Amino acid sequence: MSRIELSKPAHDALAKAVSGYLKEQLDLEVEGFDAVFLVDFIVETMGPVFYNQGLADAQAIIKGRLEAITDAIYEIEKPVKI
């Protein structure tokens, strides 16, 4: 599997969000490179779980749509009289 990569703006926004959360909830100062490394850790360890769940959700949607299409095709079939 390829590595999950975030754009720099997204990565920076996540680092800022994590830093703010830790400060607000745990009174912990995690900023700069420490926040960036924490985001990297989260992306590497938890990212695949969320990514795979997203894929599973997409597959379920596609499966449902494909079943609806299959049903619609079956409904327009004409009887064969031989």
PDB file of N, CA and C in Angstrom:
ATOM      1  N   MET A   1       0.851  -1.178   0.000  1.00  0.00           N
ATOM      2  CA  MET A   1       0.000   0.000   0.000  1.00  0.00           C
ATOM      3  C   MET A   1       0.891   1.234   0.000  1.00  0.00           C
ATOM      4  N   SER A   2       0.488   2.209  -0.755  1.00  0.00           N
ATOM      5  CA  SER A   2       1.265   3.444  -0.778  1.00  0.00           C
ATOM      6  C   SER A   2       1.039   4.230   0.511  1.00  0.00           C
ATOM      7  N   ARG A   3       1.973   5.070   0.786  1.00  0.00           N
ATOM      8  CA  ARG A   3       1.946   5.880   1.996  1.00  0.00           C
ATOM      9  C   ARG A   3       0.894   6.979   1.873  1.00  0.00           C
ATOM     10  N   ILE A   4       0.207   7.259   2.962  1.00  0.00           N
ATOM     11  CA  ILE A   4      -0.775   8.348   2.974  1.00  0.00           C
ATOM     12  C   ILE A   4      -0.005   9.659   3.083  1.00  0.00           C
ATOM     13  N   GLU A   5      -0.212  10.539   2.125  1.00  0.00           N
ATOM     14  CA  GLU A   5       0.488  11.819   2.132  1.00  0.00           C
ATOM     15  C   GLU A   5      -0.533  12.945   2.131  1.00  0.00           C
ATOM     16  N   LEU A   6      -0.290  13.908   2.975  1.00  0.00           N
ATOM     17  CA  LEU A   6      -1.156  15.078   3.081  1.00  0.00           C
ATOM     18  C   LEU A   6      -0.477  16.271   2.439  1.00  0.00           C
ATOM     19  N   SER A   7      -1.272  17.190   1.945  1.00  0.00           N
ATOM     20  CA  SER A   7      -0.698  18.429   1.425  1.00  0.00           C
ATOM     21  C   SER A   7      -0.107  19.205   2.600  1.00  0.00           C
ATOM     22  N   LYS A   8       0.834  20.079   2.319  1.00  0.00           N
ATOM     23  CA  LYS A   8       1.461  20.867   3.383  1.00  0.00           C
ATOM     24  C   LYS A   8       0.422  21.692   4.153  1.00  0.00           C
ATOM     25  N   PRO A   9      -0.509  22.372   3.459  1.00  0.00           N
ATOM     26  CA  PRO A   9      -1.517  23.127   4.212  1.00  0.00           C
ATOM     27  C   PRO A   9      -2.370  22.235   5.129  1.00  0.00           C
ATOM     28  N   ALA A  10      -2.741  21.051   4.636  1.00  0.00           N
ATOM     29  CA  ALA A  10      -3.538  20.141   5.454  1.00  0.00           C
ATOM     30  C   ALA A  10      -2.724  19.646   6.644  1.00  0.00           C
ATOM     31  N   HIS A  11      -1.476  19.305   6.402  1.00  0.00           N
ATOM     32  CA  HIS A  11      -0.591  18.820   7.469  1.00  0.00           C
ATOM     33  C   HIS A  11      -0.391  19.905   8.524  1.00  0.00           C
ATOM     34  N   ASP A  12      -0.145  21.124   8.080  1.00  0.00           N
ATOM     35  CA  ASP A  12       0.043  22.245   9.011  1.00  0.00           C
ATOM     36  C   ASP A  12      -1.223  22.511   9.826  1.00  0.00           C
ATOM     37  N   ALA A  13      -2.389  22.432   9.164  1.00  0.00           N
ATOM     38  CA  ALA A  13      -3.654  22.664   9.857  1.00  0.00           C
ATOM     39  C   ALA A  13      -3.894  21.586  10.912  1.00  0.00           C
ATOM     40  N   LEU A  14      -3.562  20.343  10.585  1.00  0.00           N
ATOM     41  CA  LEU A  14      -3.716  19.263  11.561  1.00  0.00           C
ATOM     42  C   LEU A  14      -2.763  19.436  12.741  1.00  0.00           C
ATOM     43  N   ALA A  15      -1.523  19.828  12.456  1.00  0.00           N
ATOM     44  CA  ALA A  15      -0.556  20.062  13.536  1.00  0.00           C
ATOM     45  C   ALA A  15      -1.049  21.169  14.465  1.00  0.00           C
ATOM     46  N   LYS A  16      -1.609  22.223  13.882  1.00  0.00           N
ATOM     47  CA  LYS A  16      -2.143  23.321  14.683  1.00  0.00           C
ATOM     48  C   LYS A  16      -3.342  22.848  15.502  1.00  0.00           C
ATOM     49  N   ALA A  17      -4.205  22.051  14.893  1.00  0.00           N
ATOM     50  CA  ALA A  17      -5.390  21.550  15.590  1.00  0.00           C
ATOM     51  C   ALA A  17      -4.996  20.630  16.746  1.00  0.00           C
ATOM     52  N   VAL A  18      -4.047  19.743  16.511  1.00  0.00           N
ATOM     53  CA  VAL A  18      -3.586  18.833  17.567  1.00  0.00           C
ATOM     54  C   VAL A  18      -2.947  19.632  18.694  1.00  0.00           C
ATOM     55  N   SER A  19      -2.135  20.603  18.323  1.00  0.00           N
ATOM     56  CA  SER A  19      -1.481  21.444  19.316  1.00  0.00           C
ATOM     57  C   SER A  19      -2.509  22.173  20.174  1.00  0.00           C
ATOM     58  N   GLY A  20      -3.517  22.750  19.525  1.00  0.00           N
ATOM     59  CA  GLY A  20      -4.570  23.452  20.251  1.00  0.00           C
ATOM     60  C   GLY A  20      -5.379  22.527  21.143  1.00  0.00           C
ATOM     61  N   TYR A  21      -5.672  21.344  20.642  1.00  0.00           N
ATOM     62  CA  TYR A  21      -6.437  20.371  21.420  1.00  0.00           C
ATOM     63  C   TYR A  21      -5.672  19.955  22.674  1.00  0.00           C
ATOM     64  N   LEU A  22      -4.397  19.628  22.501  1.00  0.00           N
ATOM     65  CA  LEU A  22      -3.599  19.199  23.649  1.00  0.00           C
ATOM     66  C   LEU A  22      -3.459  20.304  24.687  1.00  0.00           C
ATOM     67  N   LYS A  23      -3.330  21.536  24.238  1.00  0.00           N
ATOM     68  CA  LYS A  23      -3.231  22.668  25.152  1.00  0.00           C
ATOM     69  C   LYS A  23      -4.541  22.859  25.910  1.00  0.00           C
ATOM     70  N   GLU A  24      -5.637  22.819  25.158  1.00  0.00           N
ATOM     71  CA  GLU A  24      -6.954  23.077  25.737  1.00  0.00           C
ATOM     72  C   GLU A  24      -7.412  21.951  26.676  1.00  0.00           C
ATOM     73  N   GLN A  25      -7.259  20.726  26.241  1.00  0.00           N
ATOM     74  CA  GLN A  25      -7.802  19.591  26.986  1.00  0.00           C
ATOM     75  C   GLN A  25      -6.858  19.039  28.057  1.00  0.00           C
ATOM     76  N   LEU A  26      -5.548  19.083  27.770  1.00  0.00           N
ATOM     77  CA  LEU A  26      -4.592  18.448  28.679  1.00  0.00           C
ATOM     78  C   LEU A  26      -3.567  19.418  29.262  1.00  0.00           C
ATOM     79  N   ASP A  27      -3.714  20.700  28.905  1.00  0.00           N
ATOM     80  CA  ASP A  27      -2.756  21.714  29.340  1.00  0.00           C
ATOM     81  C   ASP A  27      -1.325  21.289  29.010  1.00  0.00           C
ATOM     82  N   LEU A  28      -1.159  20.786  27.791  1.00  0.00           N
ATOM     83  CA  LEU A  28       0.127  20.273  27.319  1.00  0.00           C
ATOM     84  C   LEU A  28       0.607  21.137  26.166  1.00  0.00           C
ATOM     85  N   GLU A  29       1.830  21.617  26.253  1.00  0.00           N
ATOM     86  CA  GLU A  29       2.412  22.438  25.189  1.00  0.00           C
ATOM     87  C   GLU A  29       3.124  21.535  24.179  1.00  0.00           C
ATOM     88  N   VAL A  30       2.508  21.332  23.027  1.00  0.00           N
ATOM     89  CA  VAL A  30       3.125  20.557  21.946  1.00  0.00           C
ATOM     90  C   VAL A  30       3.011  21.417  20.697  1.00  0.00           C
ATOM     91  N   GLU A  31       4.138  21.972  20.279  1.00  0.00           N
ATOM     92  CA  GLU A  31       4.132  22.898  19.149  1.00  0.00           C
ATOM     93  C   GLU A  31       5.286  22.592  18.211  1.00  0.00           C
ATOM     94  N   GLY A  32       5.301  23.268  17.086  1.00  0.00           N
ATOM     95  CA  GLY A  32       6.410  23.170  16.144  1.00  0.00           C
ATOM     96  C   GLY A  32       6.634  21.754  15.644  1.00  0.00           C
ATOM     97  N   PHE A  33       7.918  21.354  15.653  1.00  0.00           N
ATOM     98  CA  PHE A  33       8.278  20.040  15.145  1.00  0.00           C
ATOM     99  C   PHE A  33       7.616  18.913  15.928  1.00  0.00           C
ATOM    100  N   ASP A  34       7.433  19.108  17.229  1.00  0.00           N
ATOM    101  CA  ASP A  34       6.789  18.069  18.031  1.00  0.00           C
ATOM    102  C   ASP A  34       5.360  17.815  17.547  1.00  0.00           C
ATOM    103  N   ALA A  35       4.636  18.870  17.235  1.00  0.00           N
ATOM    104  CA  ALA A  35       3.270  18.727  16.733  1.00  0.00           C
ATOM    105  C   ALA A  35       3.275  18.074  15.354  1.00  0.00           C
ATOM    106  N   VAL A  36       4.241  18.449  14.529  1.00  0.00           N
ATOM    107  CA  VAL A  36       4.356  17.866  13.191  1.00  0.00           C
ATOM    108  C   VAL A  36       4.649  16.367  13.296  1.00  0.00           C
ATOM    109  N   PHE A  37       5.585  15.990  14.181  1.00  0.00           N
ATOM    110  CA  PHE A  37       5.923  14.578  14.358  1.00  0.00           C
ATOM    111  C   PHE A  37       4.736  13.798  14.917  1.00  0.00           C
ATOM    112  N   LEU A  38       3.953  14.426  15.795  1.00  0.00           N
ATOM    113  CA  LEU A  38       2.768  13.769  16.337  1.00  0.00           C
ATOM    114  C   LEU A  38       1.747  13.525  15.232  1.00  0.00           C
ATOM    115  N   VAL A  39       1.558  14.492  14.363  1.00  0.00           N
ATOM    116  CA  VAL A  39       0.640  14.315  13.230  1.00  0.00           C
ATOM    117  C   VAL A  39       1.155  13.201  12.320  1.00  0.00           C
ATOM    118  N   ASP A  40       2.461  13.176  12.067  1.00  0.00           N
ATOM    119  CA  ASP A  40       3.039  12.101  11.252  1.00  0.00           C
ATOM    120  C   ASP A  40       2.742  10.738  11.871  1.00  0.00           C
ATOM    121  N   PHE A  41       2.896  10.634  13.181  1.00  0.00           N
ATOM    122  CA  PHE A  41       2.620   9.379  13.887  1.00  0.00           C
ATOM    123  C   PHE A  41       1.142   8.995  13.738  1.00  0.00           C
ATOM    124  N   ILE A  42       0.269   9.963  13.932  1.00  0.00           N
ATOM    125  CA  ILE A  42      -1.171   9.699  13.826  1.00  0.00           C
ATOM    126  C   ILE A  42      -1.530   9.248  12.405  1.00  0.00           C
ATOM    127  N   VAL A  43      -0.985   9.936  11.418  1.00  0.00           N
ATOM    128  CA  VAL A  43      -1.267   9.585  10.021  1.00  0.00           C
ATOM    129  C   VAL A  43      -0.765   8.174   9.720  1.00  0.00           C
ATOM    130  N   GLU A  44       0.434   7.843  10.181  1.00  0.00           N
ATOM    131  CA  GLU A  44       1.013   6.532   9.895  1.00  0.00           C
ATOM    132  C   GLU A  44       0.294   5.399  10.622  1.00  0.00           C
ATOM    133  N   THR A  45      -0.152   5.646  11.847  1.00  0.00           N
ATOM    134  CA  THR A  45      -0.763   4.564  12.631  1.00  0.00           C
ATOM    135  C   THR A  45      -2.280   4.501  12.487  1.00  0.00           C
ATOM    136  N   MET A  46      -2.940   5.643  12.491  1.00  0.00           N
ATOM    137  CA  MET A  46      -4.395   5.665  12.429  1.00  0.00           C
ATOM    138  C   MET A  46      -4.930   5.934  11.030  1.00  0.00           C
ATOM    139  N   GLY A  47      -4.147   6.611  10.229  1.00  0.00           N
ATOM    140  CA  GLY A  47      -4.579   6.963   8.879  1.00  0.00           C
ATOM    141  C   GLY A  47      -5.082   5.784   8.074  1.00  0.00           C
ATOM    142  N   PRO A  48      -4.335   4.664   8.044  1.00  0.00           N
ATOM    143  CA  PRO A  48      -4.813   3.516   7.269  1.00  0.00           C
ATOM    144  C   PRO A  48      -6.156   2.972   7.748  1.00  0.00           C
ATOM    145  N   VAL A  49      -6.433   3.063   9.034  1.00  0.00           N
ATOM    146  CA  VAL A  49      -7.714   2.589   9.555  1.00  0.00           C
ATOM    147  C   VAL A  49      -8.849   3.437   8.974  1.00  0.00           C
ATOM    148  N   PHE A  50      -8.692   4.751   9.025  1.00  0.00           N
ATOM    149  CA  PHE A  50      -9.715   5.646   8.490  1.00  0.00           C
ATOM    150  C   PHE A  50      -9.823   5.519   6.970  1.00  0.00           C
ATOM    151  N   TYR A  51      -8.680   5.382   6.318  1.00  0.00           N
ATOM    152  CA  TYR A  51      -8.646   5.228   4.863  1.00  0.00           C
ATOM    153  C   TYR A  51      -9.382   3.956   4.445  1.00  0.00           C
ATOM    154  N   ASN A  52      -9.072   2.855   5.115  1.00  0.00           N
ATOM    155  CA  ASN A  52      -9.714   1.585   4.788  1.00  0.00           C
ATOM    156  C   ASN A  52     -11.210   1.628   5.067  1.00  0.00           C
ATOM    157  N   GLN A  53     -11.607   2.302   6.127  1.00  0.00           N
ATOM    158  CA  GLN A  53     -13.034   2.437   6.414  1.00  0.00           C
ATOM    159  C   GLN A  53     -13.720   3.245   5.323  1.00  0.00           C
ATOM    160  N   GLY A  54     -13.058   4.285   4.853  1.00  0.00           N
ATOM    161  CA  GLY A  54     -13.598   5.074   3.750  1.00  0.00           C
ATOM    162  C   GLY A  54     -13.777   4.235   2.497  1.00  0.00           C
ATOM    163  N   LEU A  55     -12.793   3.378   2.216  1.00  0.00           N
ATOM    164  CA  LEU A  55     -12.907   2.481   1.065  1.00  0.00           C
ATOM    165  C   LEU A  55     -14.070   1.507   1.240  1.00  0.00           C
ATOM    166  N   ALA A  56     -14.216   0.957   2.437  1.00  0.00           N
ATOM    167  CA  ALA A  56     -15.314   0.026   2.711  1.00  0.00           C
ATOM    168  C   ALA A  56     -16.662   0.728   2.551  1.00  0.00           C
ATOM    169  N   ASP A  57     -16.755   1.974   3.026  1.00  0.00           N
ATOM    170  CA  ASP A  57     -17.989   2.742   2.875  1.00  0.00           C
ATOM    171  C   ASP A  57     -18.298   2.988   1.397  1.00  0.00           C
ATOM    172  N   ALA A  58     -17.269   3.331   0.632  1.00  0.00           N
ATOM    173  CA  ALA A  58     -17.451   3.572  -0.804  1.00  0.00           C
ATOM    174  C   ALA A  58     -17.881   2.285  -1.509  1.00  0.00           C
ATOM    175  N   GLN A  59     -17.263   1.164  -1.135  1.00  0.00           N
ATOM    176  CA  GLN A  59     -17.647  -0.119  -1.734  1.00  0.00           C
ATOM    177  C   GLN A  59     -19.109  -0.452  -1.440  1.00  0.00           C
ATOM    178  N   ALA A  60     -19.558  -0.175  -0.224  1.00  0.00           N
ATOM    179  CA  ALA A  60     -20.949  -0.449   0.143  1.00  0.00           C
ATOM    180  C   ALA A  60     -21.904   0.395  -0.698  1.00  0.00           C
ATOM    181  N   ILE A  61     -21.551   1.651  -0.927  1.00  0.00           N
ATOM    182  CA  ILE A  61     -22.386   2.531  -1.752  1.00  0.00           C
ATOM    183  C   ILE A  61     -22.435   2.012  -3.187  1.00  0.00           C
ATOM    184  N   ILE A  62     -21.270   1.661  -3.719  1.00  0.00           N
ATOM    185  CA  ILE A  62     -21.204   1.159  -5.095  1.00  0.00           C
ATOM    186  C   ILE A  62     -21.990  -0.139  -5.218  1.00  0.00           C
ATOM    187  N   LYS A  63     -21.852  -1.026  -4.240  1.00  0.00           N
ATOM    188  CA  LYS A  63     -22.573  -2.294  -4.265  1.00  0.00           C
ATOM    189  C   LYS A  63     -24.084  -2.047  -4.284  1.00  0.00           C
ATOM    190  N   GLY A  64     -24.544  -1.126  -3.447  1.00  0.00           N
ATOM    191  CA  GLY A  64     -25.968  -0.802  -3.423  1.00  0.00           C
ATOM    192  C   GLY A  64     -26.452  -0.244  -4.745  1.00  0.00           C
ATOM    193  N   ARG A  65     -25.674   0.633  -5.327  1.00  0.00           N
ATOM    194  CA  ARG A  65     -26.060   1.219  -6.619  1.00  0.00           C
ATOM    195  C   ARG A  65     -26.056   0.159  -7.713  1.00  0.00           C
ATOM    196  N   LEU A  66     -25.055  -0.726  -7.682  1.00  0.00           N
ATOM    197  CA  LEU A  66     -24.974  -1.782  -8.686  1.00  0.00           C
ATOM    198  C   LEU A  66     -26.160  -2.733  -8.571  1.00  0.00           C
ATOM    199  N   GLU A  67     -26.571  -3.041  -7.352  1.00  0.00           N
ATOM    200  CA  GLU A  67     -27.754  -3.886  -7.154  1.00  0.00           C
ATOM    201  C   GLU A  67     -29.001  -3.198  -7.695  1.00  0.00           C
ATOM    202  N   ALA A  68     -29.117  -1.894  -7.486  1.00  0.00           N
ATOM    203  CA  ALA A  68     -30.265  -1.150  -8.006  1.00  0.00           C
ATOM    204  C   ALA A  68     -30.267  -1.170  -9.535  1.00  0.00           C
ATOM    205  N   ILE A  69     -29.113  -1.025 -10.138  1.00  0.00           N
ATOM    206  CA  ILE A  69     -29.008  -1.064 -11.607  1.00  0.00           C
ATOM    207  C   ILE A  69     -29.371  -2.455 -12.117  1.00  0.00           C
ATOM    208  N   THR A  70     -28.848  -3.485 -11.445  1.00  0.00           N
ATOM    209  CA  THR A  70     -29.157  -4.855 -11.832  1.00  0.00           C
ATOM    210  C   THR A  70     -30.662  -5.106 -11.756  1.00  0.00           C
ATOM    211  N   ASP A  71     -31.285  -4.639 -10.677  1.00  0.00           N
ATOM    212  CA  ASP A  71     -32.744  -4.786 -10.534  1.00  0.00           C
ATOM    213  C   ASP A  71     -33.481  -4.043 -11.649  1.00  0.00           C
ATOM    214  N   ALA A  72     -33.037  -2.841 -11.970  1.00  0.00           N
ATOM    215  CA  ALA A  72     -33.686  -2.048 -13.018  1.00  0.00           C
ATOM    216  C   ALA A  72     -33.563  -2.747 -14.373  1.00  0.00           C
ATOM    217  N   ILE A  73     -32.417  -3.337 -14.634  1.00  0.00           N
ATOM    218  CA  ILE A  73     -32.230  -4.062 -15.900  1.00  0.00           C
ATOM    219  C   ILE A  73     -33.144  -5.288 -15.925  1.00  0.00           C
ATOM    220  N   TYR A  74     -33.223  -6.000 -14.814  1.00  0.00           N
ATOM    221  CA  TYR A  74     -34.086  -7.179 -14.739  1.00  0.00           C
ATOM    222  C   TYR A  74     -35.546  -6.805 -14.987  1.00  0.00           C
ATOM    223  N   GLU A  75     -35.967  -5.662 -14.477  1.00  0.00           N
ATOM    224  CA  GLU A  75     -37.350  -5.214 -14.637  1.00  0.00           C
ATOM    225  C   GLU A  75     -37.724  -4.933 -16.089  1.00  0.00           C
ATOM    226  N   ILE A  76     -36.763  -4.547 -16.918  1.00  0.00           N
ATOM    227  CA  ILE A  76     -37.087  -4.220 -18.316  1.00  0.00           C
ATOM    228  C   ILE A  76     -36.847  -5.383 -19.269  1.00  0.00           C
ATOM    229  N   GLU A  77     -36.439  -6.522 -18.722  1.00  0.00           N
ATOM    230  CA  GLU A  77     -36.260  -7.692 -19.573  1.00  0.00           C
ATOM    231  C   GLU A  77     -37.604  -8.091 -20.177  1.00  0.00           C
ATOM    232  N   LYS A  78     -37.570  -8.579 -21.378  1.00  0.00           N
ATOM    233  CA  LYS A  78     -38.768  -9.035 -22.091  1.00  0.00           C
ATOM    234  C   LYS A  78     -38.832 -10.563 -22.007  1.00  0.00           C
ATOM    235  N   PRO A  79     -40.026 -11.085 -21.860  1.00  0.00           N
ATOM    236  CA  PRO A  79     -40.140 -12.547 -21.834  1.00  0.00           C
ATOM    237  C   PRO A  79     -39.805 -13.139 -23.196  1.00  0.00           C
ATOM    238  N   VAL A  80     -39.206 -14.297 -23.161  1.00  0.00           N
ATOM    239  CA  VAL A  80     -38.833 -14.969 -24.397  1.00  0.00           C
ATOM    240  C   VAL A  80     -39.833 -16.096 -24.631  1.00  0.00           C
ATOM    241  N   LYS A  81     -40.414 -16.127 -25.831  1.00  0.00           N
ATOM    242  CA  LYS A  81     -41.367 -17.172 -26.219  1.00  0.00           C
ATOM    243  C   LYS A  81     -40.774 -17.942 -27.378  1.00  0.00           C
ATOM    244  N   ILE A  82     -40.365 -19.133 -27.104  1.00  0.00           N
ATOM    245  CA  ILE A  82     -39.792 -19.945 -28.182  1.00  0.00           C
ATOM    246  C   ILE A  82     -40.645 -21.163 -28.375  1.00  0.00           C
TER     247      ILE A  82
END
